[in-house]
Amino acid sequence: MTASWVRGYPGARPANRCPYLAVALWGTDEERAAYRAATDSSHRHVRSGPDRFFTTGFLPQRFRDELDLSWGPRRQRAFEVIMRAIGEVLRRGPQRRRRYPLSKHLADMRRRRALGKPLV
């Protein structure tokens, strides 16, 4: 790996403390394959059900193939219908509710800045 620091997210760390990201960013294809083979067991414990369905639905097909996740046109259609329905419900709701997560995080950031605390 060529870089000694992993950047691009809050809390940059030395590459040796974040090997999965370092391999993903700067590793060769062989290193990526070896790391994926070593960590394949970690993919087995992913729960089934809604968590896996939505996570898989948001992944590009290339990643689904690499993770051996089954996904076909029927599931893609169901995912799109559900996401459209969720979007419609959110659009029809009050604006305050739609902005809730953002407004809460923004208020927290402003509070931290006023108190001199770290933002992250």
PDB file of N, CA and C in Angstrom:
ATOM      1  N   MET A   1       0.836  -1.172   0.000  1.00  0.00           N
ATOM      2  CA  MET A   1       0.000   0.000   0.000  1.00  0.00           C
ATOM      3  C   MET A   1       0.879   1.232   0.000  1.00  0.00           C
ATOM      4  N   THR A   2       0.505   2.187  -0.805  1.00  0.00           N
ATOM      5  CA  THR A   2       1.388   3.323  -1.011  1.00  0.00           C
ATOM      6  C   THR A   2       1.172   4.457  -0.027  1.00  0.00           C
ATOM      7  N   ALA A   3      -0.021   4.651   0.441  1.00  0.00           N
ATOM      8  CA  ALA A   3      -0.290   5.790   1.330  1.00  0.00           C
ATOM      9  C   ALA A   3      -0.253   5.346   2.783  1.00  0.00           C
ATOM     10  N   SER A   4       0.252   6.223   3.631  1.00  0.00           N
ATOM     11  CA  SER A   4       0.348   5.870   5.043  1.00  0.00           C
ATOM     12  C   SER A   4      -0.864   6.327   5.830  1.00  0.00           C
ATOM     13  N   TRP A   5      -1.685   7.202   5.254  1.00  0.00           N
ATOM     14  CA  TRP A   5      -2.881   7.680   5.953  1.00  0.00           C
ATOM     15  C   TRP A   5      -4.101   7.443   5.088  1.00  0.00           C
ATOM     16  N   VAL A   6      -5.169   7.066   5.728  1.00  0.00           N
ATOM     17  CA  VAL A   6      -6.438   6.879   5.040  1.00  0.00           C
ATOM     18  C   VAL A   6      -7.242   8.149   5.240  1.00  0.00           C
ATOM     19  N   ARG A   7      -7.569   8.826   4.170  1.00  0.00           N
ATOM     20  CA  ARG A   7      -8.317  10.080   4.269  1.00  0.00           C
ATOM     21  C   ARG A   7      -9.654   9.935   3.556  1.00  0.00           C
ATOM     22  N   GLY A   8     -10.467  10.962   3.682  1.00  0.00           N
ATOM     23  CA  GLY A   8     -11.738  10.954   2.982  1.00  0.00           C
ATOM     24  C   GLY A   8     -12.917  10.758   3.907  1.00  0.00           C
ATOM     25  N   TYR A   9     -12.667  10.654   5.185  1.00  0.00           N
ATOM     26  CA  TYR A   9     -13.758  10.549   6.148  1.00  0.00           C
ATOM     27  C   TYR A   9     -13.271  11.170   7.442  1.00  0.00           C
ATOM     28  N   PRO A  10     -14.184  11.600   8.303  1.00  0.00           N
ATOM     29  CA  PRO A  10     -13.760  12.217   9.565  1.00  0.00           C
ATOM     30  C   PRO A  10     -12.888  11.270  10.375  1.00  0.00           C
ATOM     31  N   GLY A  11     -11.853  11.789  10.940  1.00  0.00           N
ATOM     32  CA  GLY A  11     -10.981  10.974  11.783  1.00  0.00           C
ATOM     33  C   GLY A  11     -10.004  10.155  10.973  1.00  0.00           C
ATOM     34  N   ALA A  12      -9.243  10.795  10.083  1.00  0.00           N
ATOM     35  CA  ALA A  12      -8.263  10.076   9.278  1.00  0.00           C
ATOM     36  C   ALA A  12      -7.335   9.290  10.197  1.00  0.00           C
ATOM     37  N   ARG A  13      -7.029   8.072   9.791  1.00  0.00           N
ATOM     38  CA  ARG A  13      -6.226   7.177  10.632  1.00  0.00           C
ATOM     39  C   ARG A  13      -5.071   6.605   9.833  1.00  0.00           C
ATOM     40  N   PRO A  14      -4.054   6.140  10.521  1.00  0.00           N
ATOM     41  CA  PRO A  14      -2.977   5.460   9.806  1.00  0.00           C
ATOM     42  C   PRO A  14      -3.532   4.233   9.092  1.00  0.00           C
ATOM     43  N   ALA A  15      -2.973   3.928   7.934  1.00  0.00           N
ATOM     44  CA  ALA A  15      -3.470   2.810   7.130  1.00  0.00           C
ATOM     45  C   ALA A  15      -3.433   1.490   7.889  1.00  0.00           C
ATOM     46  N   ASN A  16      -2.462   1.313   8.799  1.00  0.00           N
ATOM     47  CA  ASN A  16      -2.392   0.045   9.525  1.00  0.00           C
ATOM     48  C   ASN A  16      -3.521  -0.102  10.542  1.00  0.00           C
ATOM     49  N   ARG A  17      -4.220   0.992  10.893  1.00  0.00           N
ATOM     50  CA  ARG A  17      -5.354   0.900  11.810  1.00  0.00           C
ATOM     51  C   ARG A  17      -6.668   0.759  11.055  1.00  0.00           C
ATOM     52  N   CYS A  18      -6.624   0.824   9.750  1.00  0.00           N
ATOM     53  CA  CYS A  18      -7.831   0.755   8.934  1.00  0.00           C
ATOM     54  C   CYS A  18      -7.506  -0.045   7.666  1.00  0.00           C
ATOM     55  N   PRO A  19      -7.111  -1.310   7.803  1.00  0.00           N
ATOM     56  CA  PRO A  19      -6.595  -2.048   6.644  1.00  0.00           C
ATOM     57  C   PRO A  19      -7.624  -2.272   5.546  1.00  0.00           C
ATOM     58  N   TYR A  20      -8.889  -2.469   5.907  1.00  0.00           N
ATOM     59  CA  TYR A  20      -9.887  -2.743   4.879  1.00  0.00           C
ATOM     60  C   TYR A  20     -10.044  -1.566   3.929  1.00  0.00           C
ATOM     61  N   LEU A  21      -9.994  -0.346   4.462  1.00  0.00           N
ATOM     62  CA  LEU A  21     -10.132   0.829   3.612  1.00  0.00           C
ATOM     63  C   LEU A  21      -8.857   1.066   2.814  1.00  0.00           C
ATOM     64  N   ALA A  22      -7.720   0.830   3.426  1.00  0.00           N
ATOM     65  CA  ALA A  22      -6.456   1.008   2.717  1.00  0.00           C
ATOM     66  C   ALA A  22      -6.360   0.037   1.544  1.00  0.00           C
ATOM     67  N   VAL A  23      -6.768  -1.210   1.759  1.00  0.00           N
ATOM     68  CA  VAL A  23      -6.743  -2.191   0.673  1.00  0.00           C
ATOM     69  C   VAL A  23      -7.718  -1.776  -0.418  1.00  0.00           C
ATOM     70  N   ALA A  24      -8.895  -1.306  -0.028  1.00  0.00           N
ATOM     71  CA  ALA A  24      -9.897  -0.900  -1.017  1.00  0.00           C
ATOM     72  C   ALA A  24      -9.420   0.281  -1.851  1.00  0.00           C
ATOM     73  N   LEU A  25      -8.708   1.219  -1.225  1.00  0.00           N
ATOM     74  CA  LEU A  25      -8.286   2.420  -1.939  1.00  0.00           C
ATOM     75  C   LEU A  25      -7.004   2.231  -2.737  1.00  0.00           C
ATOM     76  N   TRP A  26      -6.017   1.586  -2.156  1.00  0.00           N
ATOM     77  CA  TRP A  26      -4.712   1.524  -2.790  1.00  0.00           C
ATOM     78  C   TRP A  26      -4.223   0.119  -3.098  1.00  0.00           C
ATOM     79  N   GLY A  27      -4.961  -0.881  -2.734  1.00  0.00           N
ATOM     80  CA  GLY A  27      -4.506  -2.245  -2.943  1.00  0.00           C
ATOM     81  C   GLY A  27      -4.615  -2.680  -4.393  1.00  0.00           C
ATOM     82  N   THR A  28      -3.813  -3.664  -4.736  1.00  0.00           N
ATOM     83  CA  THR A  28      -3.906  -4.244  -6.073  1.00  0.00           C
ATOM     84  C   THR A  28      -5.088  -5.202  -6.104  1.00  0.00           C
ATOM     85  N   ASP A  29      -5.424  -5.684  -7.291  1.00  0.00           N
ATOM     86  CA  ASP A  29      -6.527  -6.638  -7.407  1.00  0.00           C
ATOM     87  C   ASP A  29      -6.249  -7.899  -6.597  1.00  0.00           C
ATOM     88  N   GLU A  30      -4.991  -8.331  -6.580  1.00  0.00           N
ATOM     89  CA  GLU A  30      -4.636  -9.528  -5.822  1.00  0.00           C
ATOM     90  C   GLU A  30      -4.819  -9.301  -4.320  1.00  0.00           C
ATOM     91  N   GLU A  31      -4.409  -8.118  -3.846  1.00  0.00           N
ATOM     92  CA  GLU A  31      -4.573  -7.804  -2.423  1.00  0.00           C
ATOM     93  C   GLU A  31      -6.048  -7.738  -2.045  1.00  0.00           C
ATOM     94  N   ARG A  32      -6.854  -7.138  -2.923  1.00  0.00           N
ATOM     95  CA  ARG A  32      -8.291  -7.057  -2.649  1.00  0.00           C
ATOM     96  C   ARG A  32      -8.910  -8.447  -2.588  1.00  0.00           C
ATOM     97  N   ALA A  33      -8.531  -9.304  -3.541  1.00  0.00           N
ATOM     98  CA  ALA A  33      -9.077 -10.664  -3.567  1.00  0.00           C
ATOM     99  C   ALA A  33      -8.652 -11.441  -2.326  1.00  0.00           C
ATOM    100  N   ALA A  34      -7.384 -11.294  -1.923  1.00  0.00           N
ATOM    101  CA  ALA A  34      -6.901 -11.998  -0.735  1.00  0.00           C
ATOM    102  C   ALA A  34      -7.613 -11.497   0.512  1.00  0.00           C
ATOM    103  N   TYR A  35      -7.806 -10.198   0.615  1.00  0.00           N
ATOM    104  CA  TYR A  35      -8.486  -9.644   1.791  1.00  0.00           C
ATOM    105  C   TYR A  35      -9.942 -10.085   1.826  1.00  0.00           C
ATOM    106  N   ARG A  36     -10.590 -10.079   0.651  1.00  0.00           N
ATOM    107  CA  ARG A  36     -11.986 -10.508   0.595  1.00  0.00           C
ATOM    108  C   ARG A  36     -12.112 -11.983   0.965  1.00  0.00           C
ATOM    109  N   ALA A  37     -11.168 -12.805   0.508  1.00  0.00           N
ATOM    110  CA  ALA A  37     -11.207 -14.228   0.849  1.00  0.00           C
ATOM    111  C   ALA A  37     -11.018 -14.425   2.350  1.00  0.00           C
ATOM    112  N   ALA A  38     -10.167 -13.603   2.956  1.00  0.00           N
ATOM    113  CA  ALA A  38      -9.917 -13.724   4.393  1.00  0.00           C
ATOM    114  C   ALA A  38     -11.107 -13.256   5.208  1.00  0.00           C
ATOM    115  N   THR A  39     -11.904 -12.361   4.663  1.00  0.00           N
ATOM    116  CA  THR A  39     -13.032 -11.817   5.423  1.00  0.00           C
ATOM    117  C   THR A  39     -14.378 -12.353   4.951  1.00  0.00           C
ATOM    118  N   ASP A  40     -14.380 -13.381   4.116  1.00  0.00           N
ATOM    119  CA  ASP A  40     -15.646 -13.937   3.625  1.00  0.00           C
ATOM    120  C   ASP A  40     -16.551 -14.401   4.752  1.00  0.00           C
ATOM    121  N   SER A  41     -15.965 -14.904   5.823  1.00  0.00           N
ATOM    122  CA  SER A  41     -16.795 -15.394   6.927  1.00  0.00           C
ATOM    123  C   SER A  41     -17.587 -14.264   7.567  1.00  0.00           C
ATOM    124  N   SER A  42     -17.088 -13.035   7.469  1.00  0.00           N
ATOM    125  CA  SER A  42     -17.807 -11.917   8.081  1.00  0.00           C
ATOM    126  C   SER A  42     -19.078 -11.581   7.320  1.00  0.00           C
ATOM    127  N   HIS A  43     -19.177 -11.993   6.067  1.00  0.00           N
ATOM    128  CA  HIS A  43     -20.378 -11.712   5.286  1.00  0.00           C
ATOM    129  C   HIS A  43     -21.489 -12.706   5.587  1.00  0.00           C
ATOM    130  N   ARG A  44     -21.167 -13.813   6.208  1.00  0.00           N
ATOM    131  CA  ARG A  44     -22.175 -14.851   6.448  1.00  0.00           C
ATOM    132  C   ARG A  44     -23.163 -14.479   7.536  1.00  0.00           C
ATOM    133  N   HIS A  45     -22.767 -13.639   8.477  1.00  0.00           N
ATOM    134  CA  HIS A  45     -23.647 -13.350   9.602  1.00  0.00           C
ATOM    135  C   HIS A  45     -24.636 -12.225   9.320  1.00  0.00           C
ATOM    136  N   VAL A  46     -24.618 -11.677   8.108  1.00  0.00           N
ATOM    137  CA  VAL A  46     -25.555 -10.603   7.777  1.00  0.00           C
ATOM    138  C   VAL A  46     -26.971 -11.153   7.865  1.00  0.00           C
ATOM    139  N   ARG A  47     -27.808 -10.428   8.562  1.00  0.00           N
ATOM    140  CA  ARG A  47     -29.177 -10.884   8.764  1.00  0.00           C
ATOM    141  C   ARG A  47     -29.973 -10.867   7.472  1.00  0.00           C
ATOM    142  N   SER A  48     -30.953 -11.716   7.445  1.00  0.00           N
ATOM    143  CA  SER A  48     -31.897 -11.689   6.340  1.00  0.00           C
ATOM    144  C   SER A  48     -33.004 -10.721   6.704  1.00  0.00           C
ATOM    145  N   GLY A  49     -33.931 -10.556   5.814  1.00  0.00           N
ATOM    146  CA  GLY A  49     -35.064  -9.705   6.103  1.00  0.00           C
ATOM    147  C   GLY A  49     -34.889  -8.300   5.585  1.00  0.00           C
ATOM    148  N   PRO A  50     -35.584  -7.348   6.206  1.00  0.00           N
ATOM    149  CA  PRO A  50     -35.592  -5.974   5.699  1.00  0.00           C
ATOM    150  C   PRO A  50     -34.207  -5.333   5.631  1.00  0.00           C
ATOM    151  N   ASP A  51     -33.357  -5.576   6.630  1.00  0.00           N
ATOM    152  CA  ASP A  51     -32.019  -4.965   6.617  1.00  0.00           C
ATOM    153  C   ASP A  51     -31.258  -5.360   5.357  1.00  0.00           C
ATOM    154  N   ARG A  52     -31.236  -6.641   5.108  1.00  0.00           N
ATOM    155  CA  ARG A  52     -30.491  -7.141   3.956  1.00  0.00           C
ATOM    156  C   ARG A  52     -31.154  -6.713   2.641  1.00  0.00           C
ATOM    157  N   PHE A  53     -32.476  -6.729   2.617  1.00  0.00           N
ATOM    158  CA  PHE A  53     -33.205  -6.345   1.407  1.00  0.00           C
ATOM    159  C   PHE A  53     -32.872  -4.912   1.002  1.00  0.00           C
ATOM    160  N   PHE A  54     -32.979  -3.977   1.944  1.00  0.00           N
ATOM    161  CA  PHE A  54     -32.730  -2.574   1.604  1.00  0.00           C
ATOM    162  C   PHE A  54     -31.253  -2.320   1.310  1.00  0.00           C
ATOM    163  N   THR A  55     -30.374  -2.936   2.079  1.00  0.00           N
ATOM    164  CA  THR A  55     -28.943  -2.756   1.822  1.00  0.00           C
ATOM    165  C   THR A  55     -28.585  -3.276   0.441  1.00  0.00           C
ATOM    166  N   THR A  56     -29.079  -4.461   0.108  1.00  0.00           N
ATOM    167  CA  THR A  56     -28.793  -5.044  -1.198  1.00  0.00           C
ATOM    168  C   THR A  56     -29.404  -4.212  -2.314  1.00  0.00           C
ATOM    169  N   GLY A  57     -30.581  -3.671  -2.078  1.00  0.00           N
ATOM    170  CA  GLY A  57     -31.239  -2.858  -3.096  1.00  0.00           C
ATOM    171  C   GLY A  57     -30.466  -1.606  -3.458  1.00  0.00           C
ATOM    172  N   PHE A  58     -29.775  -1.032  -2.501  1.00  0.00           N
ATOM    173  CA  PHE A  58     -29.010   0.189  -2.769  1.00  0.00           C
ATOM    174  C   PHE A  58     -27.645  -0.091  -3.392  1.00  0.00           C
ATOM    175  N   LEU A  59     -27.192  -1.337  -3.360  1.00  0.00           N
ATOM    176  CA  LEU A  59     -25.879  -1.664  -3.918  1.00  0.00           C
ATOM    177  C   LEU A  59     -25.925  -1.740  -5.438  1.00  0.00           C
ATOM    178  N   PRO A  60     -24.871  -1.294  -6.110  1.00  0.00           N
ATOM    179  CA  PRO A  60     -24.784  -1.516  -7.556  1.00  0.00           C
ATOM    180  C   PRO A  60     -24.642  -3.015  -7.842  1.00  0.00           C
ATOM    181  N   GLN A  61     -25.033  -3.430  -9.033  1.00  0.00           N
ATOM    182  CA  GLN A  61     -25.020  -4.848  -9.389  1.00  0.00           C
ATOM    183  C   GLN A  61     -23.628  -5.452  -9.242  1.00  0.00           C
ATOM    184  N   ARG A  62     -22.596  -4.681  -9.535  1.00  0.00           N
ATOM    185  CA  ARG A  62     -21.227  -5.196  -9.432  1.00  0.00           C
ATOM    186  C   ARG A  62     -20.922  -5.672  -8.014  1.00  0.00           C
ATOM    187  N   PHE A  63     -21.341  -4.887  -7.002  1.00  0.00           N
ATOM    188  CA  PHE A  63     -21.088  -5.272  -5.617  1.00  0.00           C
ATOM    189  C   PHE A  63     -21.952  -6.458  -5.208  1.00  0.00           C
ATOM    190  N   ARG A  64     -23.176  -6.506  -5.706  1.00  0.00           N
ATOM    191  CA  ARG A  64     -24.036  -7.662  -5.408  1.00  0.00           C
ATOM    192  C   ARG A  64     -23.386  -8.942  -5.909  1.00  0.00           C
ATOM    193  N   ASP A  65     -22.816  -8.870  -7.114  1.00  0.00           N
ATOM    194  CA  ASP A  65     -22.151 -10.043  -7.676  1.00  0.00           C
ATOM    195  C   ASP A  65     -20.933 -10.436  -6.848  1.00  0.00           C
ATOM    196  N   GLU A  66     -20.140  -9.449  -6.430  1.00  0.00           N
ATOM    197  CA  GLU A  66     -18.942  -9.747  -5.641  1.00  0.00           C
ATOM    198  C   GLU A  66     -19.283 -10.357  -4.291  1.00  0.00           C
ATOM    199  N   LEU A  67     -20.404  -9.952  -3.713  1.00  0.00           N
ATOM    200  CA  LEU A  67     -20.810 -10.467  -2.405  1.00  0.00           C
ATOM    201  C   LEU A  67     -21.706 -11.695  -2.512  1.00  0.00           C
ATOM    202  N   ASP A  68     -21.926 -12.177  -3.719  1.00  0.00           N
ATOM    203  CA  ASP A  68     -22.786 -13.345  -3.963  1.00  0.00           C
ATOM    204  C   ASP A  68     -24.179 -13.161  -3.383  1.00  0.00           C
ATOM    205  N   LEU A  69     -24.754 -11.992  -3.583  1.00  0.00           N
ATOM    206  CA  LEU A  69     -26.107 -11.715  -3.113  1.00  0.00           C
ATOM    207  C   LEU A  69     -27.074 -11.962  -4.261  1.00  0.00           C
ATOM    208  N   SER A  70     -28.099 -12.747  -3.993  1.00  0.00           N
ATOM    209  CA  SER A  70     -29.072 -13.025  -5.045  1.00  0.00           C
ATOM    210  C   SER A  70     -30.003 -11.829  -5.198  1.00  0.00           C
ATOM    211  N   TRP A  71     -30.159 -11.384  -6.428  1.00  0.00           N
ATOM    212  CA  TRP A  71     -30.996 -10.215  -6.707  1.00  0.00           C
ATOM    213  C   TRP A  71     -31.431 -10.311  -8.153  1.00  0.00           C
ATOM    214  N   GLY A  72     -32.726 -10.327  -8.362  1.00  0.00           N
ATOM    215  CA  GLY A  72     -33.251 -10.435  -9.718  1.00  0.00           C
ATOM    216  C   GLY A  72     -34.190  -9.296 -10.042  1.00  0.00           C
ATOM    217  N   PRO A  73     -34.774  -9.347 -11.239  1.00  0.00           N
ATOM    218  CA  PRO A  73     -35.688  -8.278 -11.659  1.00  0.00           C
ATOM    219  C   PRO A  73     -36.903  -8.145 -10.743  1.00  0.00           C
ATOM    220  N   ARG A  74     -37.385  -9.262 -10.222  1.00  0.00           N
ATOM    221  CA  ARG A  74     -38.556  -9.216  -9.338  1.00  0.00           C
ATOM    222  C   ARG A  74     -38.241  -8.447  -8.054  1.00  0.00           C
ATOM    223  N   ARG A  75     -37.099  -8.749  -7.453  1.00  0.00           N
ATOM    224  CA  ARG A  75     -36.702  -8.036  -6.233  1.00  0.00           C
ATOM    225  C   ARG A  75     -36.412  -6.566  -6.523  1.00  0.00           C
ATOM    226  N   GLN A  76     -35.798  -6.292  -7.673  1.00  0.00           N
ATOM    227  CA  GLN A  76     -35.506  -4.905  -8.035  1.00  0.00           C
ATOM    228  C   GLN A  76     -36.803  -4.119  -8.171  1.00  0.00           C
ATOM    229  N   ARG A  77     -37.792  -4.727  -8.805  1.00  0.00           N
ATOM    230  CA  ARG A  77     -39.092  -4.062  -8.969  1.00  0.00           C
ATOM    231  C   ARG A  77     -39.732  -3.813  -7.601  1.00  0.00           C
ATOM    232  N   ALA A  78     -39.695  -4.801  -6.716  1.00  0.00           N
ATOM    233  CA  ALA A  78     -40.265  -4.630  -5.373  1.00  0.00           C
ATOM    234  C   ALA A  78     -39.542  -3.513  -4.622  1.00  0.00           C
ATOM    235  N   PHE A  79     -38.228  -3.487  -4.736  1.00  0.00           N
ATOM    236  CA  PHE A  79     -37.440  -2.442  -4.077  1.00  0.00           C
ATOM    237  C   PHE A  79     -37.839  -1.057  -4.591  1.00  0.00           C
ATOM    238  N   GLU A  80     -37.956  -0.920  -5.897  1.00  0.00           N
ATOM    239  CA  GLU A  80     -38.326   0.373  -6.478  1.00  0.00           C
ATOM    240  C   GLU A  80     -39.723   0.802  -6.058  1.00  0.00           C
ATOM    241  N   VAL A  81     -40.668  -0.143  -6.018  1.00  0.00           N
ATOM    242  CA  VAL A  81     -42.039   0.184  -5.603  1.00  0.00           C
ATOM    243  C   VAL A  81     -42.059   0.639  -4.146  1.00  0.00           C
ATOM    244  N   ILE A  82     -41.348  -0.068  -3.286  1.00  0.00           N
ATOM    245  CA  ILE A  82     -41.312   0.294  -1.864  1.00  0.00           C
ATOM    246  C   ILE A  82     -40.660   1.660  -1.674  1.00  0.00           C
ATOM    247  N   MET A  83     -39.558   1.908  -2.374  1.00  0.00           N
ATOM    248  CA  MET A  83     -38.881   3.196  -2.231  1.00  0.00           C
ATOM    249  C   MET A  83     -39.746   4.343  -2.753  1.00  0.00           C
ATOM    250  N   ARG A  84     -40.482   4.096  -3.847  1.00  0.00           N
ATOM    251  CA  ARG A  84     -41.399   5.128  -4.342  1.00  0.00           C
ATOM    252  C   ARG A  84     -42.496   5.407  -3.327  1.00  0.00           C
ATOM    253  N   ALA A  85     -43.019   4.353  -2.710  1.00  0.00           N
ATOM    254  CA  ALA A  85     -44.079   4.529  -1.709  1.00  0.00           C
ATOM    255  C   ALA A  85     -43.559   5.307  -0.501  1.00  0.00           C
ATOM    256  N   ILE A  86     -42.364   4.970  -0.042  1.00  0.00           N
ATOM    257  CA  ILE A  86     -41.771   5.696   1.089  1.00  0.00           C
ATOM    258  C   ILE A  86     -41.574   7.164   0.716  1.00  0.00           C
ATOM    259  N   GLY A  87     -41.088   7.411  -0.497  1.00  0.00           N
ATOM    260  CA  GLY A  87     -40.899   8.784  -0.953  1.00  0.00           C
ATOM    261  C   GLY A  87     -42.203   9.552  -1.006  1.00  0.00           C
ATOM    262  N   GLU A  88     -43.259   8.900  -1.457  1.00  0.00           N
ATOM    263  CA  GLU A  88     -44.563   9.567  -1.538  1.00  0.00           C
ATOM    264  C   GLU A  88     -45.096   9.899  -0.149  1.00  0.00           C
ATOM    265  N   VAL A  89     -44.948   8.982   0.784  1.00  0.00           N
ATOM    266  CA  VAL A  89     -45.392   9.241   2.163  1.00  0.00           C
ATOM    267  C   VAL A  89     -44.622  10.419   2.747  1.00  0.00           C
ATOM    268  N   LEU A  90     -43.322  10.444   2.527  1.00  0.00           N
ATOM    269  CA  LEU A  90     -42.512  11.543   3.055  1.00  0.00           C
ATOM    270  C   LEU A  90     -42.850  12.877   2.390  1.00  0.00           C
ATOM    271  N   ARG A  91     -43.125  12.843   1.088  1.00  0.00           N
ATOM    272  CA  ARG A  91     -43.489  14.081   0.390  1.00  0.00           C
ATOM    273  C   ARG A  91     -44.794  14.667   0.900  1.00  0.00           C
ATOM    274  N   ARG A  92     -45.727  13.817   1.264  1.00  0.00           N
ATOM    275  CA  ARG A  92     -47.035  14.290   1.718  1.00  0.00           C
ATOM    276  C   ARG A  92     -47.034  14.714   3.182  1.00  0.00           C
ATOM    277  N   GLY A  93     -46.002  14.355   3.900  1.00  0.00           N
ATOM    278  CA  GLY A  93     -45.932  14.697   5.318  1.00  0.00           C
ATOM    279  C   GLY A  93     -45.558  16.151   5.531  1.00  0.00           C
ATOM    280  N   PRO A  94     -45.674  16.607   6.767  1.00  0.00           N
ATOM    281  CA  PRO A  94     -45.311  17.990   7.070  1.00  0.00           C
ATOM    282  C   PRO A  94     -43.814  18.235   6.849  1.00  0.00           C
ATOM    283  N   GLN A  95     -43.497  19.446   6.439  1.00  0.00           N
ATOM    284  CA  GLN A  95     -42.110  19.785   6.126  1.00  0.00           C
ATOM    285  C   GLN A  95     -41.208  19.628   7.346  1.00  0.00           C
ATOM    286  N   ARG A  96     -41.704  19.938   8.511  1.00  0.00           N
ATOM    287  CA  ARG A  96     -40.896  19.813   9.728  1.00  0.00           C
ATOM    288  C   ARG A  96     -40.461  18.364   9.949  1.00  0.00           C
ATOM    289  N   ARG A  97     -41.361  17.429   9.684  1.00  0.00           N
ATOM    290  CA  ARG A  97     -41.033  16.011   9.857  1.00  0.00           C
ATOM    291  C   ARG A  97     -40.032  15.553   8.800  1.00  0.00           C
ATOM    292  N   ARG A  98     -40.181  16.054   7.575  1.00  0.00           N
ATOM    293  CA  ARG A  98     -39.258  15.662   6.510  1.00  0.00           C
ATOM    294  C   ARG A  98     -37.847  16.138   6.799  1.00  0.00           C
ATOM    295  N   ARG A  99     -37.723  17.290   7.414  1.00  0.00           N
ATOM    296  CA  ARG A  99     -36.399  17.857   7.697  1.00  0.00           C
ATOM    297  C   ARG A  99     -35.846  17.431   9.047  1.00  0.00           C
ATOM    298  N   TYR A 100     -36.550  16.582   9.758  1.00  0.00           N
ATOM    299  CA  TYR A 100     -36.172  16.243  11.136  1.00  0.00           C
ATOM    300  C   TYR A 100     -34.718  15.806  11.293  1.00  0.00           C
ATOM    301  N   PRO A 101     -34.250  14.796  10.600  1.00  0.00           N
ATOM    302  CA  PRO A 101     -32.860  14.393  10.886  1.00  0.00           C
ATOM    303  C   PRO A 101     -31.870  15.520  10.617  1.00  0.00           C
ATOM    304  N   LEU A 102     -32.050  16.219   9.511  1.00  0.00           N
ATOM    305  CA  LEU A 102     -31.120  17.295   9.171  1.00  0.00           C
ATOM    306  C   LEU A 102     -31.182  18.419  10.197  1.00  0.00           C
ATOM    307  N   SER A 103     -32.383  18.811  10.589  1.00  0.00           N
ATOM    308  CA  SER A 103     -32.509  19.919  11.540  1.00  0.00           C
ATOM    309  C   SER A 103     -31.915  19.556  12.895  1.00  0.00           C
ATOM    310  N   LYS A 104     -32.071  18.300  13.300  1.00  0.00           N
ATOM    311  CA  LYS A 104     -31.505  17.869  14.585  1.00  0.00           C
ATOM    312  C   LYS A 104     -29.974  17.895  14.540  1.00  0.00           C
ATOM    313  N   HIS A 105     -29.405  17.372  13.464  1.00  0.00           N
ATOM    314  CA  HIS A 105     -27.947  17.353  13.342  1.00  0.00           C
ATOM    315  C   HIS A 105     -27.386  18.770  13.213  1.00  0.00           C
ATOM    316  N   LEU A 106     -28.084  19.617  12.490  1.00  0.00           N
ATOM    317  CA  LEU A 106     -27.637  20.997  12.344  1.00  0.00           C
ATOM    318  C   LEU A 106     -27.650  21.719  13.691  1.00  0.00           C
ATOM    319  N   ALA A 107     -28.700  21.515  14.478  1.00  0.00           N
ATOM    320  CA  ALA A 107     -28.771  22.131  15.809  1.00  0.00           C
ATOM    321  C   ALA A 107     -27.647  21.610  16.700  1.00  0.00           C
ATOM    322  N   ASP A 108     -27.349  20.309  16.598  1.00  0.00           N
ATOM    323  CA  ASP A 108     -26.268  19.723  17.387  1.00  0.00           C
ATOM    324  C   ASP A 108     -24.918  20.321  16.984  1.00  0.00           C
ATOM    325  N   MET A 109     -24.687  20.488  15.689  1.00  0.00           N
ATOM    326  CA  MET A 109     -23.427  21.075  15.223  1.00  0.00           C
ATOM    327  C   MET A 109     -23.288  22.513  15.719  1.00  0.00           C
ATOM    328  N   ARG A 110     -24.364  23.267  15.662  1.00  0.00           N
ATOM    329  CA  ARG A 110     -24.314  24.663  16.127  1.00  0.00           C
ATOM    330  C   ARG A 110     -24.050  24.724  17.626  1.00  0.00           C
ATOM    331  N   ARG A 111     -24.665  23.818  18.368  1.00  0.00           N
ATOM    332  CA  ARG A 111     -24.456  23.774  19.816  1.00  0.00           C
ATOM    333  C   ARG A 111     -23.001  23.439  20.126  1.00  0.00           C
ATOM    334  N   ARG A 112     -22.456  22.449  19.451  1.00  0.00           N
ATOM    335  CA  ARG A 112     -21.063  22.058  19.675  1.00  0.00           C
ATOM    336  C   ARG A 112     -20.104  23.196  19.334  1.00  0.00           C
ATOM    337  N   ARG A 113     -20.370  23.872  18.228  1.00  0.00           N
ATOM    338  CA  ARG A 113     -19.503  24.984  17.832  1.00  0.00           C
ATOM    339  C   ARG A 113     -19.553  26.099  18.869  1.00  0.00           C
ATOM    340  N   ALA A 114     -20.746  26.392  19.381  1.00  0.00           N
ATOM    341  CA  ALA A 114     -20.890  27.456  20.381  1.00  0.00           C
ATOM    342  C   ALA A 114     -20.178  27.101  21.682  1.00  0.00           C
ATOM    343  N   LEU A 115     -20.154  25.806  22.031  1.00  0.00           N
ATOM    344  CA  LEU A 115     -19.505  25.368  23.263  1.00  0.00           C
ATOM    345  C   LEU A 115     -18.015  25.082  23.080  1.00  0.00           C
ATOM    346  N   GLY A 116     -17.538  25.156  21.839  1.00  0.00           N
ATOM    347  CA  GLY A 116     -16.128  24.894  21.574  1.00  0.00           C
ATOM    348  C   GLY A 116     -15.781  23.419  21.577  1.00  0.00           C
ATOM    349  N   LYS A 117     -16.773  22.557  21.443  1.00  0.00           N
ATOM    350  CA  LYS A 117     -16.530  21.111  21.408  1.00  0.00           C
ATOM    351  C   LYS A 117     -16.194  20.677  19.982  1.00  0.00           C
ATOM    352  N   PRO A 118     -15.533  19.523  19.836  1.00  0.00           N
ATOM    353  CA  PRO A 118     -15.245  19.035  18.483  1.00  0.00           C
ATOM    354  C   PRO A 118     -16.545  18.674  17.761  1.00  0.00           C
ATOM    355  N   LEU A 119     -16.564  18.906  16.462  1.00  0.00           N
ATOM    356  CA  LEU A 119     -17.766  18.642  15.683  1.00  0.00           C
ATOM    357  C   LEU A 119     -17.951  17.164  15.384  1.00  0.00           C
ATOM    358  N   VAL A 120     -16.878  16.421  15.399  1.00  0.00           N
ATOM    359  CA  VAL A 120     -16.968  14.993  15.083  1.00  0.00           C
ATOM    360  C   VAL A 120     -16.592  14.180  16.291  1.00  0.00           C
TER     361      VAL A 120
END
